[in-house]
Amino acid sequence: MTPAENGIRANGNKSTATQARVDSWTWAVRLFKTRSAAAEACRGGHVRVNGAAAKPAQSVKPGDEVRIRISGVERIVIVEQIVTKRVSAPLAAQCLIDRSPPPPSREILATMPRRDRGSGRPTKRERRETDRLLGRADE
């Protein structure tokens, strides 16, 4: 199967595109599970292309740096090839250069302080219980 049949666009071919939508490309290289999730991340400001916030229809081309924040983790990738259709994981890996920082080690995560449940600001449930106790319920 040729790269063009897999959805990979080669720069030397006249009939192929040299750029793609950022939401489509991030979905095609498997950074997001669905294209709608990729578009939603763009609209939410979690995707940046060359340092600027990206709308879903913004074009990316080879050499562009794409920064994505997924679940609190930042992924930094460089566009190598333009892909318009979702491809297999090995082909997707050839379409980008991953420059993401390594995740923190387990030792570092274990030393990070965590807030105990119930300490600090009350939850909505606790606030309602307090209101009922003090006779401020909305009844």
Protein backbone atom coordinates (compact mmCIF):
# COMPACT_ATOMS: atom_id res chain seq x y z
CA MET A 1 0.00 0.00 0.00
CA THR A 2 1.47 3.36 -0.97
CA PRO A 3 1.70 6.26 1.49
CA ALA A 4 -0.93 8.19 -0.52
CA GLU A 5 -3.39 5.31 -0.08
CA ASN A 6 -2.80 5.47 3.68
CA GLY A 7 -3.75 9.14 3.78
CA ILE A 8 -0.17 10.43 3.91
CA ARG A 9 0.43 13.31 1.53
CA ALA A 10 3.88 13.48 -0.04
CA ASN A 11 5.27 16.95 -0.77
CA GLY A 12 6.63 15.96 -4.21
CA ASN A 13 3.25 15.04 -5.70
CA LYS A 14 1.45 17.89 -7.48
CA SER A 15 -2.05 16.69 -6.60
CA THR A 16 -1.47 16.43 -2.85
CA ALA A 17 -2.03 19.03 -0.16
CA THR A 18 0.84 20.63 1.71
CA GLN A 19 -1.30 21.70 4.64
CA ALA A 20 -4.26 20.44 6.66
CA ARG A 21 -6.68 21.65 9.33
CA VAL A 22 -5.17 21.38 12.80
CA ASP A 23 -8.17 19.50 14.22
CA SER A 24 -8.09 17.01 11.36
CA TRP A 25 -4.32 16.49 11.57
CA THR A 26 -4.24 16.00 15.35
CA TRP A 27 -7.04 13.43 15.03
CA ALA A 28 -5.34 11.69 12.07
CA VAL A 29 -2.05 11.25 13.96
CA ARG A 30 -3.94 9.85 16.98
CA LEU A 31 -3.42 12.69 19.44
CA PHE A 32 -7.21 12.74 19.97
CA LYS A 33 -9.71 9.88 19.83
CA THR A 34 -12.25 11.80 17.75
CA ARG A 35 -12.13 14.77 15.43
CA SER A 36 -14.85 16.47 17.43
CA ALA A 37 -12.69 16.12 20.56
CA ALA A 38 -9.81 17.73 18.65
CA ALA A 39 -12.04 20.59 17.50
CA GLU A 40 -13.39 21.08 21.04
CA ALA A 41 -9.82 21.25 22.40
CA CYS A 42 -9.01 23.92 19.81
CA ARG A 43 -12.10 25.95 20.73
CA GLY A 44 -11.21 25.57 24.42
CA GLY A 45 -7.73 27.05 23.89
CA HIS A 46 -5.85 23.80 24.57
CA VAL A 47 -4.14 23.69 21.15
CA ARG A 48 -1.43 26.14 20.07
CA VAL A 49 0.31 26.27 16.69
CA ASN A 50 3.69 28.02 16.65
CA GLY A 51 2.87 29.66 20.00
CA ALA A 52 -0.53 31.10 19.02
CA ALA A 53 -3.92 29.73 20.05
CA ALA A 54 -5.41 27.71 17.20
CA LYS A 55 -8.96 27.55 15.94
CA PRO A 56 -10.07 24.17 14.52
CA ALA A 57 -9.76 25.32 10.89
CA GLN A 58 -6.24 26.73 11.22
CA SER A 59 -3.81 25.17 8.77
CA VAL A 60 -0.68 23.29 9.75
CA LYS A 61 2.22 22.49 7.45
CA PRO A 62 5.44 20.51 7.85
CA GLY A 63 7.75 22.18 10.35
CA ASP A 64 4.99 23.70 12.51
CA GLU A 65 5.11 23.18 16.28
CA VAL A 66 1.81 22.05 17.81
CA ARG A 67 1.32 22.18 21.60
CA ILE A 68 -1.63 20.30 23.05
CA ARG A 69 -2.80 20.14 26.65
CA ILE A 70 -4.59 16.83 27.28
CA SER A 71 -5.71 15.89 30.81
CA GLY A 72 -3.26 18.35 32.36
CA VAL A 73 -0.29 17.00 30.37
CA GLU A 74 1.30 19.10 27.64
CA ARG A 75 2.30 17.37 24.40
CA ILE A 76 4.71 19.15 22.06
CA VAL A 77 4.92 17.77 18.52
CA ILE A 78 6.54 18.96 15.29
CA VAL A 79 4.62 18.29 12.06
CA GLU A 80 6.69 16.06 9.75
CA GLN A 81 4.08 14.95 7.20
CA ILE A 82 0.55 16.04 6.42
CA VAL A 83 -2.09 13.39 7.02
CA THR A 84 -5.74 13.92 6.15
CA LYS A 85 -7.15 10.51 7.06
CA ARG A 86 -6.67 8.58 10.30
CA VAL A 87 -3.76 6.17 9.91
CA SER A 88 -2.29 3.32 11.91
CA ALA A 89 -0.14 4.05 14.94
CA PRO A 90 3.18 3.18 13.22
CA LEU A 91 2.35 5.50 10.29
CA ALA A 92 1.14 8.22 12.65
CA ALA A 93 4.46 8.09 14.50
CA GLN A 94 6.25 8.85 11.22
CA CYS A 95 4.14 11.97 10.70
CA LEU A 96 5.35 13.82 13.80
CA ILE A 97 8.34 14.39 16.04
CA ASP A 98 7.40 14.17 19.71
CA ARG A 99 9.25 16.79 21.78
CA SER A 100 7.08 16.38 24.89
CA PRO A 101 8.86 16.55 28.25
CA PRO A 102 9.02 13.21 30.08
CA PRO A 103 6.34 12.64 32.73
CA PRO A 104 7.43 13.15 36.36
CA SER A 105 8.76 10.06 38.12
CA ARG A 106 6.70 8.20 40.71
CA GLU A 107 9.01 9.42 43.48
CA ILE A 108 8.30 13.05 42.60
CA LEU A 109 4.56 12.40 42.36
CA ALA A 110 4.63 10.70 45.78
CA THR A 111 6.27 13.72 47.43
CA MET A 112 3.76 16.24 46.05
CA PRO A 113 1.36 17.43 48.75
CA ARG A 114 -2.28 16.45 48.47
CA ARG A 115 -5.23 18.05 50.18
CA ASP A 116 -7.25 15.73 52.40
CA ARG A 117 -10.86 15.24 51.42
CA GLY A 118 -13.11 17.56 53.37
CA SER A 119 -10.44 20.10 54.22
CA GLY A 120 -10.60 23.56 52.70
CA ARG A 121 -13.64 24.88 50.91
CA PRO A 122 -16.87 22.94 51.51
CA THR A 123 -18.43 20.94 48.72
CA LYS A 124 -21.89 21.78 47.42
CA ARG A 125 -23.31 18.84 49.40
CA GLU A 126 -21.67 20.01 52.65
CA ARG A 127 -22.91 23.58 52.06
CA ARG A 128 -26.49 22.37 51.61
CA GLU A 129 -26.26 20.29 54.80
CA THR A 130 -24.98 23.33 56.70
CA ASP A 131 -27.81 25.49 55.27
CA ARG A 132 -30.40 22.91 56.39
CA LEU A 133 -28.85 22.75 59.88
CA LEU A 134 -28.92 26.54 60.24
CA GLY A 135 -32.47 26.83 58.85
CA ARG A 136 -31.47 28.60 55.63
CA ALA A 137 -32.85 25.94 53.31
CA ASP A 138 -34.74 27.09 50.20
CA GLU A 139 -38.02 25.41 50.95
